[in-house]
């Protein structure tokens, strides 16, 4: 998949979410909403609320791009009355996942490859719960 094939990357994520049994997955009709995907799930409600807004990026060239995207997602989540957002990326600095300094406190950052790998053996809500717990309580993967 080409690095600039944004819609292709997004389609892969949506297919993985639907395949994992997520209750409702909605794709944004246009790119001006601040998030590509919204997920509603009863299993997510106790951990991150509903909907969980997801922004998908094929690549980050550096930590500054990650921070900019995380802040934009935070604004989208806040403006829609949500609580948490998930920023997924194809390529980029993984240090941001384990050391998220400078990111909004309710934005989770995770690799698309790692998410898809996790979804092979675990429900989406479990993966999100663990990401949220690491974000709130600290700790490595």
Protein backbone atom coordinates (compact mmCIF):
# COMPACT_ATOMS: atom_id res chain seq x y z
CA UNK A 1 0.00 0.00 0.00
CA UNK A 2 1.36 3.41 -0.95
CA UNK A 3 2.27 5.76 1.89
CA UNK A 4 -0.02 8.41 0.41
CA UNK A 5 -3.00 6.06 -0.01
CA UNK A 6 -4.90 7.59 2.90
CA UNK A 7 -8.27 6.08 1.99
CA UNK A 8 -6.70 2.65 1.55
CA UNK A 9 -5.14 2.78 5.01
CA UNK A 10 -8.46 3.94 6.47
CA UNK A 11 -10.33 1.09 4.72
CA UNK A 12 -7.95 -1.47 6.24
CA UNK A 13 -8.63 -0.06 9.72
CA UNK A 14 -12.41 -0.04 9.19
CA UNK A 15 -12.34 -3.65 7.95
CA UNK A 16 -10.27 -4.72 10.96
CA UNK A 17 -12.67 -2.97 13.37
CA UNK A 18 -15.73 -4.50 11.75
CA UNK A 19 -14.05 -7.91 11.73
CA UNK A 20 -13.34 -7.59 15.45
CA UNK A 21 -17.05 -7.30 16.23
CA UNK A 22 -17.26 -3.59 17.10
CA UNK A 23 -20.93 -2.62 17.51
CA UNK A 24 -21.06 0.40 15.19
CA UNK A 25 -18.35 1.82 12.96
CA UNK A 26 -19.09 5.01 11.04
CA UNK A 27 -16.78 6.56 8.48
CA UNK A 28 -16.65 10.34 8.12
CA UNK A 29 -18.27 11.48 4.86
CA UNK A 30 -15.70 14.26 4.43
CA UNK A 31 -12.26 15.03 5.77
CA UNK A 32 -13.19 18.27 7.54
CA UNK A 33 -14.65 16.62 10.64
CA UNK A 34 -11.35 16.12 12.48
CA UNK A 35 -11.73 12.34 12.68
CA UNK A 36 -12.01 9.61 10.06
CA UNK A 37 -13.98 7.03 12.04
CA UNK A 38 -16.38 6.98 14.97
CA UNK A 39 -16.93 3.80 16.96
CA UNK A 40 -19.86 3.16 19.30
CA UNK A 41 -19.64 0.16 21.57
CA UNK A 42 -21.25 -0.73 24.88
CA UNK A 43 -17.98 -2.44 25.81
CA UNK A 44 -16.08 0.87 25.42
CA UNK A 45 -18.46 2.96 27.52
CA UNK A 46 -16.86 2.29 30.96
CA UNK A 47 -13.34 3.07 29.72
CA UNK A 48 -13.48 5.81 27.08
CA UNK A 49 -17.15 6.61 26.54
CA UNK A 50 -18.95 6.81 23.22
CA UNK A 51 -18.26 7.56 20.51
CA UNK A 52 -14.53 6.89 20.31
CA UNK A 53 -13.27 9.12 17.50
CA UNK A 54 -10.43 7.70 15.45
CA UNK A 55 -8.06 9.60 13.17
CA UNK A 56 -5.98 7.50 10.78
CA UNK A 57 -2.64 8.71 9.42
CA UNK A 58 -0.52 6.68 7.07
CA UNK A 59 2.73 8.29 8.23
CA UNK A 60 4.29 10.73 10.66
CA UNK A 61 7.67 12.19 9.84
CA UNK A 62 8.35 13.26 13.41
CA UNK A 63 7.04 13.88 16.89
CA UNK A 64 5.84 17.40 16.00
CA UNK A 65 3.47 15.96 13.38
CA UNK A 66 2.14 13.48 15.95
CA UNK A 67 1.51 16.30 18.44
CA UNK A 68 -0.24 18.44 15.82
CA UNK A 69 -2.51 15.56 14.78
CA UNK A 70 -3.23 14.65 18.42
CA UNK A 71 -4.21 18.24 19.21
CA UNK A 72 -6.52 18.37 16.17
CA UNK A 73 -8.16 15.12 17.22
CA UNK A 74 -8.54 16.43 20.77
CA UNK A 75 -10.35 19.49 19.39
CA UNK A 76 -12.65 17.25 17.32
CA UNK A 77 -13.42 15.04 20.33
CA UNK A 78 -14.06 18.05 22.57
CA UNK A 79 -16.26 19.85 20.06
CA UNK A 80 -18.48 16.78 19.73
CA UNK A 81 -18.85 16.24 23.46
CA UNK A 82 -16.73 13.09 23.45
CA UNK A 83 -14.15 11.98 25.94
CA UNK A 84 -11.38 10.05 24.19
CA UNK A 85 -9.78 9.78 20.76
CA UNK A 86 -7.51 7.24 19.10
CA UNK A 87 -4.79 8.40 16.73
CA UNK A 88 -3.64 5.51 14.55
CA UNK A 89 -0.60 5.65 12.29
CA UNK A 90 1.13 3.43 9.76
CA UNK A 91 4.69 4.72 10.06
CA UNK A 92 6.19 7.04 12.61
CA UNK A 93 8.10 7.45 15.85
CA UNK A 94 6.96 4.77 18.30
CA UNK A 95 8.51 6.66 21.20
CA UNK A 96 5.34 8.76 21.31
CA UNK A 97 3.27 5.71 22.39
CA UNK A 98 5.38 4.95 25.42
CA UNK A 99 6.30 8.53 26.31
CA UNK A 100 3.35 10.73 25.29
CA UNK A 101 4.64 14.02 26.75
CA UNK A 102 3.00 17.03 25.20
CA UNK A 103 -0.10 15.18 24.01
CA UNK A 104 -3.64 15.88 25.19
CA UNK A 105 -4.39 13.54 28.11
CA UNK A 106 -7.36 11.82 26.45
CA UNK A 107 -5.74 10.98 23.11
CA UNK A 108 -4.38 7.49 22.62
CA UNK A 109 -1.68 6.93 19.99
CA UNK A 110 -1.13 3.49 18.50
CA UNK A 111 0.36 1.80 15.46
CA UNK A 112 -2.09 0.42 12.89
CA UNK A 113 0.05 -2.69 12.49
CA UNK A 114 0.04 -3.30 16.26
CA UNK A 115 -3.73 -2.75 16.45
CA UNK A 116 -4.47 -5.20 13.65
CA UNK A 117 -2.11 -7.71 15.23
CA UNK A 118 -3.85 -7.32 18.62
CA UNK A 119 -7.30 -7.67 17.05
CA UNK A 120 -6.39 -11.17 15.86
CA UNK A 121 -6.56 -12.45 19.43
CA UNK A 122 -8.33 -9.80 21.53
CA UNK A 123 -11.52 -7.74 21.34
CA UNK A 124 -11.16 -4.08 20.36
CA UNK A 125 -12.55 -2.88 23.69
CA UNK A 126 -9.87 -4.84 25.57
CA UNK A 127 -7.10 -3.29 23.47
CA UNK A 128 -8.52 0.20 24.06
CA UNK A 129 -8.96 -0.46 27.79
CA UNK A 130 -5.30 -1.45 28.08
CA UNK A 131 -4.14 1.58 26.05
CA UNK A 132 -6.27 3.86 28.20
CA UNK A 133 -4.96 2.31 31.43
CA UNK A 134 -1.36 2.75 30.28
CA UNK A 135 -2.12 6.37 29.34
CA UNK A 136 -3.80 7.16 32.67
CA UNK A 137 -1.62 5.11 35.00
CA UNK A 138 1.65 5.05 33.07
CA UNK A 139 3.73 2.02 32.29
CA UNK A 140 5.19 0.35 29.26
CA UNK A 141 3.51 -1.99 26.86
